[in-house]
Amino acid sequence: MNIERWSLIFKLCLIAALLRLSFPMMTEDILDRQILAFPTWEWSLFSLTSFIPALLARNPSQWEELNHHVVILAGGMLFYLVYGLGGAIFAGKLILWVAAAAGSIGLLALSLVYLKGRAIVR
């Protein structure tokens, strides 16, 4: 599998998720009422793309290719995790547990890839 392609898909989904997160606040500022609710199921759907690039990296050349995207991947996964946990715990939205799980699985997979890469270098 192509790490570059999945990283691009992840970045596009992250941009779409961030835009979707900002729409309720924008409509409230512009129109003085909130037209859209905060994201729930779509946030969980976007978060599922977070751990795919980390799980696809199987050999050292793919680990090096993934290393070019590690900052944006880790930041996005952390953002999915934080919003998912916050929404699931404080707002009571059960579907956001999927986003929290996807973010935590992605961060775990990314750290395992990092550890494997460091073990090969030594």
PDB file of N, CA and C in Angstrom:
ATOM      1  N   MET A   1       0.823  -1.189   0.000  1.00  0.00           N
ATOM      2  CA  MET A   1       0.000   0.000   0.000  1.00  0.00           C
ATOM      3  C   MET A   1       0.863   1.248   0.000  1.00  0.00           C
ATOM      4  N   ASN A   2       0.327   2.278  -0.513  1.00  0.00           N
ATOM      5  CA  ASN A   2       1.060   3.522  -0.661  1.00  0.00           C
ATOM      6  C   ASN A   2       0.826   4.415   0.562  1.00  0.00           C
ATOM      7  N   ILE A   3       1.886   4.648   1.312  1.00  0.00           N
ATOM      8  CA  ILE A   3       1.802   5.481   2.514  1.00  0.00           C
ATOM      9  C   ILE A   3       1.466   6.925   2.145  1.00  0.00           C
ATOM     10  N   GLU A   4       2.046   7.400   1.048  1.00  0.00           N
ATOM     11  CA  GLU A   4       1.795   8.784   0.607  1.00  0.00           C
ATOM     12  C   GLU A   4       0.316   9.010   0.336  1.00  0.00           C
ATOM     13  N   ARG A   5      -0.307   8.066  -0.331  1.00  0.00           N
ATOM     14  CA  ARG A   5      -1.727   8.208  -0.681  1.00  0.00           C
ATOM     15  C   ARG A   5      -2.599   8.232   0.574  1.00  0.00           C
ATOM     16  N   TRP A   6      -2.336   7.326   1.510  1.00  0.00           N
ATOM     17  CA  TRP A   6      -3.137   7.289   2.727  1.00  0.00           C
ATOM     18  C   TRP A   6      -2.879   8.492   3.613  1.00  0.00           C
ATOM     19  N   SER A   7      -1.651   9.000   3.579  1.00  0.00           N
ATOM     20  CA  SER A   7      -1.361  10.222   4.342  1.00  0.00           C
ATOM     21  C   SER A   7      -2.115  11.408   3.757  1.00  0.00           C
ATOM     22  N   LEU A   8      -2.207  11.466   2.436  1.00  0.00           N
ATOM     23  CA  LEU A   8      -2.971  12.531   1.788  1.00  0.00           C
ATOM     24  C   LEU A   8      -4.457  12.410   2.118  1.00  0.00           C
ATOM     25  N   ILE A   9      -4.982  11.189   2.095  1.00  0.00           N
ATOM     26  CA  ILE A   9      -6.383  10.975   2.456  1.00  0.00           C
ATOM     27  C   ILE A   9      -6.633  11.403   3.895  1.00  0.00           C
ATOM     28  N   PHE A  10      -5.695  11.055   4.802  1.00  0.00           N
ATOM     29  CA  PHE A  10      -5.821  11.457   6.194  1.00  0.00           C
ATOM     30  C   PHE A  10      -5.830  12.978   6.321  1.00  0.00           C
ATOM     31  N   LYS A  11      -4.933  13.653   5.610  1.00  0.00           N
ATOM     32  CA  LYS A  11      -4.857  15.117   5.693  1.00  0.00           C
ATOM     33  C   LYS A  11      -6.130  15.764   5.167  1.00  0.00           C
ATOM     34  N   LEU A  12      -6.669  15.242   4.073  1.00  0.00           N
ATOM     35  CA  LEU A  12      -7.915  15.786   3.528  1.00  0.00           C
ATOM     36  C   LEU A  12      -9.085  15.560   4.494  1.00  0.00           C
ATOM     37  N   CYS A  13      -9.135  14.386   5.103  1.00  0.00           N
ATOM     38  CA  CYS A  13     -10.187  14.115   6.093  1.00  0.00           C
ATOM     39  C   CYS A  13     -10.026  15.001   7.321  1.00  0.00           C
ATOM     40  N   LEU A  14      -8.784  15.271   7.721  1.00  0.00           N
ATOM     41  CA  LEU A  14      -8.554  16.152   8.863  1.00  0.00           C
ATOM     42  C   LEU A  14      -9.010  17.577   8.550  1.00  0.00           C
ATOM     43  N   ILE A  15      -8.733  18.051   7.356  1.00  0.00           N
ATOM     44  CA  ILE A  15      -9.190  19.395   6.956  1.00  0.00           C
ATOM     45  C   ILE A  15     -10.716  19.444   6.930  1.00  0.00           C
ATOM     46  N   ALA A  16     -11.343  18.402   6.369  1.00  0.00           N
ATOM     47  CA  ALA A  16     -12.808  18.359   6.338  1.00  0.00           C
ATOM     48  C   ALA A  16     -13.386  18.305   7.753  1.00  0.00           C
ATOM     49  N   ALA A  17     -12.748  17.557   8.648  1.00  0.00           N
ATOM     50  CA  ALA A  17     -13.231  17.473  10.032  1.00  0.00           C
ATOM     51  C   ALA A  17     -13.092  18.813  10.742  1.00  0.00           C
ATOM     52  N   LEU A  18     -11.987  19.505  10.510  1.00  0.00           N
ATOM     53  CA  LEU A  18     -11.803  20.806  11.147  1.00  0.00           C
ATOM     54  C   LEU A  18     -12.784  21.841  10.601  1.00  0.00           C
ATOM     55  N   LEU A  19     -13.052  21.784   9.293  1.00  0.00           N
ATOM     56  CA  LEU A  19     -14.065  22.677   8.724  1.00  0.00           C
ATOM     57  C   LEU A  19     -15.442  22.366   9.299  1.00  0.00           C
ATOM     58  N   ARG A  20     -15.745  21.082   9.415  1.00  0.00           N
ATOM     59  CA  ARG A  20     -17.040  20.685   9.963  1.00  0.00           C
ATOM     60  C   ARG A  20     -17.168  21.110  11.429  1.00  0.00           C
ATOM     61  N   LEU A  21     -16.061  21.097  12.148  1.00  0.00           N
ATOM     62  CA  LEU A  21     -16.080  21.537  13.537  1.00  0.00           C
ATOM     63  C   LEU A  21     -16.312  23.041  13.645  1.00  0.00           C
ATOM     64  N   SER A  22     -15.802  23.797  12.681  1.00  0.00           N
ATOM     65  CA  SER A  22     -15.924  25.256  12.756  1.00  0.00           C
ATOM     66  C   SER A  22     -17.265  25.781  12.214  1.00  0.00           C
ATOM     67  N   PHE A  23     -18.005  24.996  11.433  1.00  0.00           N
ATOM     68  CA  PHE A  23     -19.269  25.465  10.874  1.00  0.00           C
ATOM     69  C   PHE A  23     -20.304  25.871  11.916  1.00  0.00           C
ATOM     70  N   PRO A  24     -20.529  25.107  12.986  1.00  0.00           N
ATOM     71  CA  PRO A  24     -21.531  25.543  13.966  1.00  0.00           C
ATOM     72  C   PRO A  24     -21.187  26.886  14.605  1.00  0.00           C
ATOM     73  N   MET A  25     -19.927  27.107  14.887  1.00  0.00           N
ATOM     74  CA  MET A  25     -19.529  28.386  15.495  1.00  0.00           C
ATOM     75  C   MET A  25     -19.637  29.535  14.489  1.00  0.00           C
ATOM     76  N   MET A  26     -19.306  29.248  13.213  1.00  0.00           N
ATOM     77  CA  MET A  26     -19.399  30.293  12.182  1.00  0.00           C
ATOM     78  C   MET A  26     -20.841  30.701  11.941  1.00  0.00           C
ATOM     79  N   THR A  27     -21.738  29.727  11.854  1.00  0.00           N
ATOM     80  CA  THR A  27     -23.143  30.081  11.597  1.00  0.00           C
ATOM     81  C   THR A  27     -23.750  30.826  12.776  1.00  0.00           C
ATOM     82  N   GLU A  28     -23.307  30.494  13.977  1.00  0.00           N
ATOM     83  CA  GLU A  28     -23.812  31.215  15.143  1.00  0.00           C
ATOM     84  C   GLU A  28     -23.312  32.656  15.148  1.00  0.00           C
ATOM     85  N   ASP A  29     -22.077  32.880  14.744  1.00  0.00           N
ATOM     86  CA  ASP A  29     -21.540  34.242  14.679  1.00  0.00           C
ATOM     87  C   ASP A  29     -22.178  35.056  13.560  1.00  0.00           C
ATOM     88  N   ILE A  30     -22.373  34.433  12.415  1.00  0.00           N
ATOM     89  CA  ILE A  30     -22.876  35.165  11.252  1.00  0.00           C
ATOM     90  C   ILE A  30     -24.389  35.352  11.304  1.00  0.00           C
ATOM     91  N   LEU A  31     -25.115  34.290  11.616  1.00  0.00           N
ATOM     92  CA  LEU A  31     -26.575  34.326  11.549  1.00  0.00           C
ATOM     93  C   LEU A  31     -27.255  34.455  12.910  1.00  0.00           C
ATOM     94  N   ASP A  32     -26.508  34.544  13.957  1.00  0.00           N
ATOM     95  CA  ASP A  32     -27.025  34.657  15.323  1.00  0.00           C
ATOM     96  C   ASP A  32     -27.834  33.443  15.776  1.00  0.00           C
ATOM     97  N   ARG A  33     -27.671  32.334  15.092  1.00  0.00           N
ATOM     98  CA  ARG A  33     -28.259  31.081  15.547  1.00  0.00           C
ATOM     99  C   ARG A  33     -27.450  29.928  14.970  1.00  0.00           C
ATOM    100  N   GLN A  34     -27.445  28.852  15.689  1.00  0.00           N
ATOM    101  CA  GLN A  34     -26.653  27.700  15.287  1.00  0.00           C
ATOM    102  C   GLN A  34     -27.493  26.818  14.374  1.00  0.00           C
ATOM    103  N   ILE A  35     -27.065  26.704  13.116  1.00  0.00           N
ATOM    104  CA  ILE A  35     -27.810  25.902  12.142  1.00  0.00           C
ATOM    105  C   ILE A  35     -27.411  24.431  12.244  1.00  0.00           C
ATOM    106  N   LEU A  36     -26.121  24.176  12.370  1.00  0.00           N
ATOM    107  CA  LEU A  36     -25.617  22.812  12.475  1.00  0.00           C
ATOM    108  C   LEU A  36     -25.210  22.506  13.907  1.00  0.00           C
ATOM    109  N   ALA A  37     -25.397  21.267  14.298  1.00  0.00           N
ATOM    110  CA  ALA A  37     -24.905  20.830  15.609  1.00  0.00           C
ATOM    111  C   ALA A  37     -23.420  20.482  15.477  1.00  0.00           C
ATOM    112  N   PHE A  38     -22.763  20.313  16.584  1.00  0.00           N
ATOM    113  CA  PHE A  38     -21.367  19.914  16.538  1.00  0.00           C
ATOM    114  C   PHE A  38     -21.258  18.490  15.994  1.00  0.00           C
ATOM    115  N   PRO A  39     -20.153  18.162  15.334  1.00  0.00           N
ATOM    116  CA  PRO A  39     -20.044  16.868  14.646  1.00  0.00           C
ATOM    117  C   PRO A  39     -20.047  15.683  15.611  1.00  0.00           C
ATOM    118  N   THR A  40     -20.693  14.619  15.189  1.00  0.00           N
ATOM    119  CA  THR A  40     -20.702  13.378  15.970  1.00  0.00           C
ATOM    120  C   THR A  40     -20.287  12.214  15.082  1.00  0.00           C
ATOM    121  N   TRP A  41     -21.217  11.682  14.290  1.00  0.00           N
ATOM    122  CA  TRP A  41     -20.906  10.492  13.498  1.00  0.00           C
ATOM    123  C   TRP A  41     -19.885  10.790  12.406  1.00  0.00           C
ATOM    124  N   GLU A  42     -19.927  11.992  11.809  1.00  0.00           N
ATOM    125  CA  GLU A  42     -18.967  12.308  10.754  1.00  0.00           C
ATOM    126  C   GLU A  42     -17.562  12.459  11.326  1.00  0.00           C
ATOM    127  N   TRP A  43     -17.454  12.957  12.553  1.00  0.00           N
ATOM    128  CA  TRP A  43     -16.153  13.066  13.208  1.00  0.00           C
ATOM    129  C   TRP A  43     -15.573  11.663  13.430  1.00  0.00           C
ATOM    130  N   SER A  44     -16.413  10.734  13.834  1.00  0.00           N
ATOM    131  CA  SER A  44     -15.960   9.359  14.035  1.00  0.00           C
ATOM    132  C   SER A  44     -15.568   8.713  12.714  1.00  0.00           C
ATOM    133  N   LEU A  45     -16.296   9.016  11.665  1.00  0.00           N
ATOM    134  CA  LEU A  45     -15.962   8.482  10.351  1.00  0.00           C
ATOM    135  C   LEU A  45     -14.628   9.033   9.859  1.00  0.00           C
ATOM    136  N   PHE A  46     -14.405  10.323  10.008  1.00  0.00           N
ATOM    137  CA  PHE A  46     -13.127  10.919   9.605  1.00  0.00           C
ATOM    138  C   PHE A  46     -11.973  10.364  10.436  1.00  0.00           C
ATOM    139  N   SER A  47     -12.215  10.080  11.688  1.00  0.00           N
ATOM    140  CA  SER A  47     -11.137   9.619  12.562  1.00  0.00           C
ATOM    141  C   SER A  47     -10.656   8.221  12.202  1.00  0.00           C
ATOM    142  N   LEU A  48     -11.469   7.441  11.516  1.00  0.00           N
ATOM    143  CA  LEU A  48     -11.055   6.092  11.142  1.00  0.00           C
ATOM    144  C   LEU A  48      -9.894   6.082  10.156  1.00  0.00           C
ATOM    145  N   THR A  49      -9.680   7.189   9.453  1.00  0.00           N
ATOM    146  CA  THR A  49      -8.544   7.244   8.524  1.00  0.00           C
ATOM    147  C   THR A  49      -7.238   7.541   9.237  1.00  0.00           C
ATOM    148  N   SER A  50      -7.281   7.795  10.541  1.00  0.00           N
ATOM    149  CA  SER A  50      -6.081   8.243  11.236  1.00  0.00           C
ATOM    150  C   SER A  50      -5.052   7.143  11.438  1.00  0.00           C
ATOM    151  N   PHE A  51      -5.465   5.939  11.690  1.00  0.00           N
ATOM    152  CA  PHE A  51      -4.489   4.909  12.005  1.00  0.00           C
ATOM    153  C   PHE A  51      -4.067   4.065  10.816  1.00  0.00           C
ATOM    154  N   ILE A  52      -4.678   4.240   9.663  1.00  0.00           N
ATOM    155  CA  ILE A  52      -4.343   3.430   8.492  1.00  0.00           C
ATOM    156  C   ILE A  52      -2.897   3.634   8.034  1.00  0.00           C
ATOM    157  N   PRO A  53      -2.385   4.882   7.892  1.00  0.00           N
ATOM    158  CA  PRO A  53      -0.983   5.010   7.459  1.00  0.00           C
ATOM    159  C   PRO A  53       0.010   4.372   8.422  1.00  0.00           C
ATOM    160  N   ALA A  54      -0.250   4.457   9.711  1.00  0.00           N
ATOM    161  CA  ALA A  54       0.676   3.861  10.690  1.00  0.00           C
ATOM    162  C   ALA A  54       0.628   2.338  10.639  1.00  0.00           C
ATOM    163  N   LEU A  55      -0.539   1.774  10.396  1.00  0.00           N
ATOM    164  CA  LEU A  55      -0.654   0.320  10.330  1.00  0.00           C
ATOM    165  C   LEU A  55      -0.088  -0.252   9.033  1.00  0.00           C
ATOM    166  N   LEU A  56      -0.031   0.566   7.980  1.00  0.00           N
ATOM    167  CA  LEU A  56       0.487   0.083   6.699  1.00  0.00           C
ATOM    168  C   LEU A  56       2.013   0.071   6.627  1.00  0.00           C
ATOM    169  N   ALA A  57       2.665   0.803   7.493  1.00  0.00           N
ATOM    170  CA  ALA A  57       4.130   0.883   7.468  1.00  0.00           C
ATOM    171  C   ALA A  57       4.709  -0.405   8.040  1.00  0.00           C
ATOM    172  N   ARG A  58       5.212  -1.276   7.177  1.00  0.00           N
ATOM    173  CA  ARG A  58       5.673  -2.581   7.612  1.00  0.00           C
ATOM    174  C   ARG A  58       7.184  -2.768   7.520  1.00  0.00           C
ATOM    175  N   ASN A  59       7.866  -2.037   6.653  1.00  0.00           N
ATOM    176  CA  ASN A  59       9.307  -2.222   6.522  1.00  0.00           C
ATOM    177  C   ASN A  59      10.028  -0.888   6.691  1.00  0.00           C
ATOM    178  N   PRO A  60      11.359  -0.909   6.852  1.00  0.00           N
ATOM    179  CA  PRO A  60      12.094   0.342   7.126  1.00  0.00           C
ATOM    180  C   PRO A  60      11.926   1.438   6.078  1.00  0.00           C
ATOM    181  N   SER A  61      11.776   1.096   4.816  1.00  0.00           N
ATOM    182  CA  SER A  61      11.584   2.156   3.817  1.00  0.00           C
ATOM    183  C   SER A  61      10.238   2.849   4.003  1.00  0.00           C
ATOM    184  N   GLN A  62       9.221   2.090   4.382  1.00  0.00           N
ATOM    185  CA  GLN A  62       7.911   2.688   4.646  1.00  0.00           C
ATOM    186  C   GLN A  62       7.927   3.472   5.951  1.00  0.00           C
ATOM    187  N   TRP A  63       8.727   3.060   6.931  1.00  0.00           N
ATOM    188  CA  TRP A  63       8.846   3.810   8.175  1.00  0.00           C
ATOM    189  C   TRP A  63       9.465   5.160   7.908  1.00  0.00           C
ATOM    190  N   GLU A  64      10.468   5.166   7.011  1.00  0.00           N
ATOM    191  CA  GLU A  64      11.104   6.442   6.670  1.00  0.00           C
ATOM    192  C   GLU A  64      10.138   7.341   5.909  1.00  0.00           C
ATOM    193  N   GLU A  65       9.339   6.751   5.032  1.00  0.00           N
ATOM    194  CA  GLU A  65       8.334   7.520   4.291  1.00  0.00           C
ATOM    195  C   GLU A  65       7.273   8.086   5.236  1.00  0.00           C
ATOM    196  N   LEU A  66       6.890   7.302   6.233  1.00  0.00           N
ATOM    197  CA  LEU A  66       5.909   7.756   7.217  1.00  0.00           C
ATOM    198  C   LEU A  66       6.483   8.846   8.107  1.00  0.00           C
ATOM    199  N   ASN A  67       7.791   8.834   8.308  1.00  0.00           N
ATOM    200  CA  ASN A  67       8.458   9.808   9.156  1.00  0.00           C
ATOM    201  C   ASN A  67       8.288  11.238   8.630  1.00  0.00           C
ATOM    202  N   HIS A  68       8.095  11.386   7.320  1.00  0.00           N
ATOM    203  CA  HIS A  68       7.884  12.715   6.738  1.00  0.00           C
ATOM    204  C   HIS A  68       6.544  13.315   7.149  1.00  0.00           C
ATOM    205  N   HIS A  69       5.605  12.472   7.533  1.00  0.00           N
ATOM    206  CA  HIS A  69       4.246  12.922   7.862  1.00  0.00           C
ATOM    207  C   HIS A  69       3.907  12.761   9.335  1.00  0.00           C
ATOM    208  N   VAL A  70       4.876  12.411  10.147  1.00  0.00           N
ATOM    209  CA  VAL A  70       4.591  12.010  11.520  1.00  0.00           C
ATOM    210  C   VAL A  70       4.018  13.152  12.363  1.00  0.00           C
ATOM    211  N   VAL A  71       4.431  14.373  12.134  1.00  0.00           N
ATOM    212  CA  VAL A  71       3.948  15.484  12.950  1.00  0.00           C
ATOM    213  C   VAL A  71       2.460  15.737  12.701  1.00  0.00           C
ATOM    214  N   ILE A  72       2.063  15.800  11.443  1.00  0.00           N
ATOM    215  CA  ILE A  72       0.657  16.056  11.133  1.00  0.00           C
ATOM    216  C   ILE A  72      -0.203  14.852  11.513  1.00  0.00           C
ATOM    217  N   LEU A  73       0.329  13.630  11.351  1.00  0.00           N
ATOM    218  CA  LEU A  73      -0.421  12.441  11.743  1.00  0.00           C
ATOM    219  C   LEU A  73      -0.645  12.403  13.253  1.00  0.00           C
ATOM    220  N   ALA A  74       0.405  12.624  14.012  1.00  0.00           N
ATOM    221  CA  ALA A  74       0.265  12.588  15.468  1.00  0.00           C
ATOM    222  C   ALA A  74      -0.632  13.717  15.966  1.00  0.00           C
ATOM    223  N   GLY A  75      -0.501  14.902  15.390  1.00  0.00           N
ATOM    224  CA  GLY A  75      -1.359  16.018  15.785  1.00  0.00           C
ATOM    225  C   GLY A  75      -2.817  15.754  15.482  1.00  0.00           C
ATOM    226  N   GLY A  76      -3.084  15.206  14.309  1.00  0.00           N
ATOM    227  CA  GLY A  76      -4.464  14.883  13.950  1.00  0.00           C
ATOM    228  C   GLY A  76      -5.058  13.793  14.819  1.00  0.00           C
ATOM    229  N   MET A  77      -4.257  12.774  15.094  1.00  0.00           N
ATOM    230  CA  MET A  77      -4.739  11.692  15.952  1.00  0.00           C
ATOM    231  C   MET A  77      -5.028  12.199  17.363  1.00  0.00           C
ATOM    232  N   LEU A  78      -4.159  13.056  17.858  1.00  0.00           N
ATOM    233  CA  LEU A  78      -4.372  13.627  19.186  1.00  0.00           C
ATOM    234  C   LEU A  78      -5.626  14.504  19.207  1.00  0.00           C
ATOM    235  N   PHE A  79      -5.856  15.251  18.135  1.00  0.00           N
ATOM    236  CA  PHE A  79      -7.041  16.088  18.046  1.00  0.00           C
ATOM    237  C   PHE A  79      -8.307  15.237  18.007  1.00  0.00           C
ATOM    238  N   TYR A  80      -8.298  14.156  17.212  1.00  0.00           N
ATOM    239  CA  TYR A  80      -9.442  13.243  17.181  1.00  0.00           C
ATOM    240  C   TYR A  80      -9.683  12.632  18.562  1.00  0.00           C
ATOM    241  N   LEU A  81      -8.605  12.255  19.241  1.00  0.00           N
ATOM    242  CA  LEU A  81      -8.726  11.654  20.572  1.00  0.00           C
ATOM    243  C   LEU A  81      -9.321  12.633  21.574  1.00  0.00           C
ATOM    244  N   VAL A  82      -8.816  13.854  21.588  1.00  0.00           N
ATOM    245  CA  VAL A  82      -9.290  14.846  22.559  1.00  0.00           C
ATOM    246  C   VAL A  82     -10.749  15.211  22.306  1.00  0.00           C
ATOM    247  N   TYR A  83     -11.104  15.495  21.057  1.00  0.00           N
ATOM    248  CA  TYR A  83     -12.500  15.852  20.766  1.00  0.00           C
ATOM    249  C   TYR A  83     -13.421  14.660  21.020  1.00  0.00           C
ATOM    250  N   GLY A  84     -12.979  13.466  20.647  1.00  0.00           N
ATOM    251  CA  GLY A  84     -13.804  12.279  20.871  1.00  0.00           C
ATOM    252  C   GLY A  84     -14.037  12.012  22.344  1.00  0.00           C
ATOM    253  N   LEU A  85     -12.988  12.111  23.155  1.00  0.00           N
ATOM    254  CA  LEU A  85     -13.148  11.906  24.593  1.00  0.00           C
ATOM    255  C   LEU A  85     -14.009  12.989  25.228  1.00  0.00           C
ATOM    256  N   GLY A  86     -13.757  14.218  24.839  1.00  0.00           N
ATOM    257  CA  GLY A  86     -14.552  15.325  25.387  1.00  0.00           C
ATOM    258  C   GLY A  86     -16.021  15.198  25.044  1.00  0.00           C
ATOM    259  N   GLY A  87     -16.307  14.876  23.801  1.00  0.00           N
ATOM    260  CA  GLY A  87     -17.705  14.729  23.390  1.00  0.00           C
ATOM    261  C   GLY A  87     -18.373  13.515  24.003  1.00  0.00           C
ATOM    262  N   ALA A  88     -17.619  12.434  24.132  1.00  0.00           N
ATOM    263  CA  ALA A  88     -18.199  11.213  24.692  1.00  0.00           C
ATOM    264  C   ALA A  88     -18.447  11.352  26.190  1.00  0.00           C
ATOM    265  N   ILE A  89     -17.524  11.970  26.890  1.00  0.00           N
ATOM    266  CA  ILE A  89     -17.663  12.074  28.343  1.00  0.00           C
ATOM    267  C   ILE A  89     -18.601  13.206  28.744  1.00  0.00           C
ATOM    268  N   PHE A  90     -18.363  14.406  28.212  1.00  0.00           N
ATOM    269  CA  PHE A  90     -19.103  15.575  28.677  1.00  0.00           C
ATOM    270  C   PHE A  90     -20.433  15.793  27.968  1.00  0.00           C
ATOM    271  N   ALA A  91     -20.511  15.444  26.676  1.00  0.00           N
ATOM    272  CA  ALA A  91     -21.766  15.646  25.954  1.00  0.00           C
ATOM    273  C   ALA A  91     -22.604  14.377  25.903  1.00  0.00           C
ATOM    274  N   GLY A  92     -22.040  13.249  26.277  1.00  0.00           N
ATOM    275  CA  GLY A  92     -22.789  12.003  26.286  1.00  0.00           C
ATOM    276  C   GLY A  92     -23.050  11.411  24.921  1.00  0.00           C
ATOM    277  N   LYS A  93     -22.239  11.754  23.940  1.00  0.00           N
ATOM    278  CA  LYS A  93     -22.391  11.216  22.586  1.00  0.00           C
ATOM    279  C   LYS A  93     -21.602   9.917  22.478  1.00  0.00           C
ATOM    280  N   LEU A  94     -22.292   8.802  22.459  1.00  0.00           N
ATOM    281  CA  LEU A  94     -21.624   7.499  22.457  1.00  0.00           C
ATOM    282  C   LEU A  94     -20.849   7.231  21.176  1.00  0.00           C
ATOM    283  N   ILE A  95     -21.279   7.775  20.060  1.00  0.00           N
ATOM    284  CA  ILE A  95     -20.600   7.535  18.792  1.00  0.00           C
ATOM    285  C   ILE A  95     -19.192   8.124  18.790  1.00  0.00           C
ATOM    286  N   LEU A  96     -18.949   9.116  19.630  1.00  0.00           N
ATOM    287  CA  LEU A  96     -17.622   9.727  19.673  1.00  0.00           C
ATOM    288  C   LEU A  96     -16.591   8.844  20.373  1.00  0.00           C
ATOM    289  N   TRP A  97     -17.019   7.761  21.007  1.00  0.00           N
ATOM    290  CA  TRP A  97     -16.055   6.799  21.536  1.00  0.00           C
ATOM    291  C   TRP A  97     -15.280   6.150  20.395  1.00  0.00           C
ATOM    292  N   VAL A  98     -15.897   6.049  19.218  1.00  0.00           N
ATOM    293  CA  VAL A  98     -15.194   5.524  18.040  1.00  0.00           C
ATOM    294  C   VAL A  98     -14.027   6.434  17.679  1.00  0.00           C
ATOM    295  N   ALA A  99     -14.248   7.737  17.697  1.00  0.00           N
ATOM    296  CA  ALA A  99     -13.178   8.692  17.394  1.00  0.00           C
ATOM    297  C   ALA A  99     -12.081   8.626  18.446  1.00  0.00           C
ATOM    298  N   ALA A 100     -12.454   8.487  19.708  1.00  0.00           N
ATOM    299  CA  ALA A 100     -11.450   8.386  20.772  1.00  0.00           C
ATOM    300  C   ALA A 100     -10.630   7.106  20.616  1.00  0.00           C
ATOM    301  N   ALA A 101     -11.299   6.012  20.291  1.00  0.00           N
ATOM    302  CA  ALA A 101     -10.588   4.748  20.095  1.00  0.00           C
ATOM    303  C   ALA A 101      -9.678   4.817  18.875  1.00  0.00           C
ATOM    304  N   ALA A 102     -10.161   5.412  17.788  1.00  0.00           N
ATOM    305  CA  ALA A 102      -9.338   5.524  16.582  1.00  0.00           C
ATOM    306  C   ALA A 102      -8.118   6.403  16.830  1.00  0.00           C
ATOM    307  N   GLY A 103      -8.297   7.491  17.549  1.00  0.00           N
ATOM    308  CA  GLY A 103      -7.162   8.349  17.871  1.00  0.00           C
ATOM    309  C   GLY A 103      -6.136   7.652  18.743  1.00  0.00           C
ATOM    310  N   SER A 104      -6.608   6.908  19.739  1.00  0.00           N
ATOM    311  CA  SER A 104      -5.663   6.218  20.624  1.00  0.00           C
ATOM    312  C   SER A 104      -4.984   5.051  19.917  1.00  0.00           C
ATOM    313  N   ILE A 105      -5.705   4.312  19.073  1.00  0.00           N
ATOM    314  CA  ILE A 105      -5.090   3.235  18.293  1.00  0.00           C
ATOM    315  C   ILE A 105      -4.057   3.809  17.335  1.00  0.00           C
ATOM    316  N   GLY A 106      -4.379   4.935  16.718  1.00  0.00           N
ATOM    317  CA  GLY A 106      -3.429   5.571  15.808  1.00  0.00           C
ATOM    318  C   GLY A 106      -2.173   6.026  16.506  1.00  0.00           C
ATOM    319  N   LEU A 107      -2.309   6.640  17.678  1.00  0.00           N
ATOM    320  CA  LEU A 107      -1.130   7.077  18.432  1.00  0.00           C
ATOM    321  C   LEU A 107      -0.298   5.885  18.891  1.00  0.00           C
ATOM    322  N   LEU A 108      -0.954   4.810  19.298  1.00  0.00           N
ATOM    323  CA  LEU A 108      -0.235   3.606  19.693  1.00  0.00           C
ATOM    324  C   LEU A 108       0.517   2.999  18.507  1.00  0.00           C
ATOM    325  N   ALA A 109      -0.156   2.894  17.353  1.00  0.00           N
ATOM    326  CA  ALA A 109       0.493   2.343  16.157  1.00  0.00           C
ATOM    327  C   ALA A 109       1.651   3.221  15.711  1.00  0.00           C
ATOM    328  N   LEU A 110       1.492   4.532  15.791  1.00  0.00           N
ATOM    329  CA  LEU A 110       2.565   5.446  15.404  1.00  0.00           C
ATOM    330  C   LEU A 110       3.760   5.324  16.344  1.00  0.00           C
ATOM    331  N   SER A 111       3.507   5.162  17.630  1.00  0.00           N
ATOM    332  CA  SER A 111       4.624   5.000  18.566  1.00  0.00           C
ATOM    333  C   SER A 111       5.324   3.657  18.362  1.00  0.00           C
ATOM    334  N   LEU A 112       4.571   2.600  18.023  1.00  0.00           N
ATOM    335  CA  LEU A 112       5.201   1.312  17.741  1.00  0.00           C
ATOM    336  C   LEU A 112       6.060   1.374  16.486  1.00  0.00           C
ATOM    337  N   VAL A 113       5.583   2.070  15.462  1.00  0.00           N
ATOM    338  CA  VAL A 113       6.382   2.246  14.245  1.00  0.00           C
ATOM    339  C   VAL A 113       7.655   3.020  14.565  1.00  0.00           C
ATOM    340  N   TYR A 114       7.534   4.033  15.399  1.00  0.00           N
ATOM    341  CA  TYR A 114       8.703   4.822  15.795  1.00  0.00           C
ATOM    342  C   TYR A 114       9.708   3.962  16.555  1.00  0.00           C
ATOM    343  N   LEU A 115       9.217   3.133  17.465  1.00  0.00           N
ATOM    344  CA  LEU A 115      10.113   2.259  18.220  1.00  0.00           C
ATOM    345  C   LEU A 115      10.780   1.227  17.327  1.00  0.00           C
ATOM    346  N   LYS A 116      10.045   0.678  16.358  1.00  0.00           N
ATOM    347  CA  LYS A 116      10.639  -0.265  15.418  1.00  0.00           C
ATOM    348  C   LYS A 116      11.722   0.395  14.590  1.00  0.00           C
ATOM    349  N   GLY A 117      11.463   1.611  14.161  1.00  0.00           N
ATOM    350  CA  GLY A 117      12.449   2.346  13.371  1.00  0.00           C
ATOM    351  C   GLY A 117      13.707   2.641  14.170  1.00  0.00           C
ATOM    352  N   ARG A 118      13.563   2.961  15.421  1.00  0.00           N
ATOM    353  CA  ARG A 118      14.736   3.221  16.268  1.00  0.00           C
ATOM    354  C   ARG A 118      15.514   1.941  16.538  1.00  0.00           C
ATOM    355  N   ALA A 119      14.812   0.809  16.653  1.00  0.00           N
ATOM    356  CA  ALA A 119      15.494  -0.451  16.907  1.00  0.00           C
ATOM    357  C   ALA A 119      16.312  -0.882  15.686  1.00  0.00           C
ATOM    358  N   ILE A 120      15.821  -0.572  14.488  1.00  0.00           N
ATOM    359  CA  ILE A 120      16.546  -0.930  13.268  1.00  0.00           C
ATOM    360  C   ILE A 120      17.806  -0.076  13.142  1.00  0.00           C
ATOM    361  N   VAL A 121      17.708   1.193  13.501  1.00  0.00           N
ATOM    362  CA  VAL A 121      18.854   2.117  13.370  1.00  0.00           C
ATOM    363  C   VAL A 121      19.987   1.695  14.293  1.00  0.00           C
ATOM    364  N   ARG A 122      19.677   1.223  15.470  1.00  0.00           N
ATOM    365  CA  ARG A 122      20.709   0.806  16.421  1.00  0.00           C
ATOM    366  C   ARG A 122      21.352  -0.406  15.919  1.00  0.00           C
TER     367      ARG A 122
END
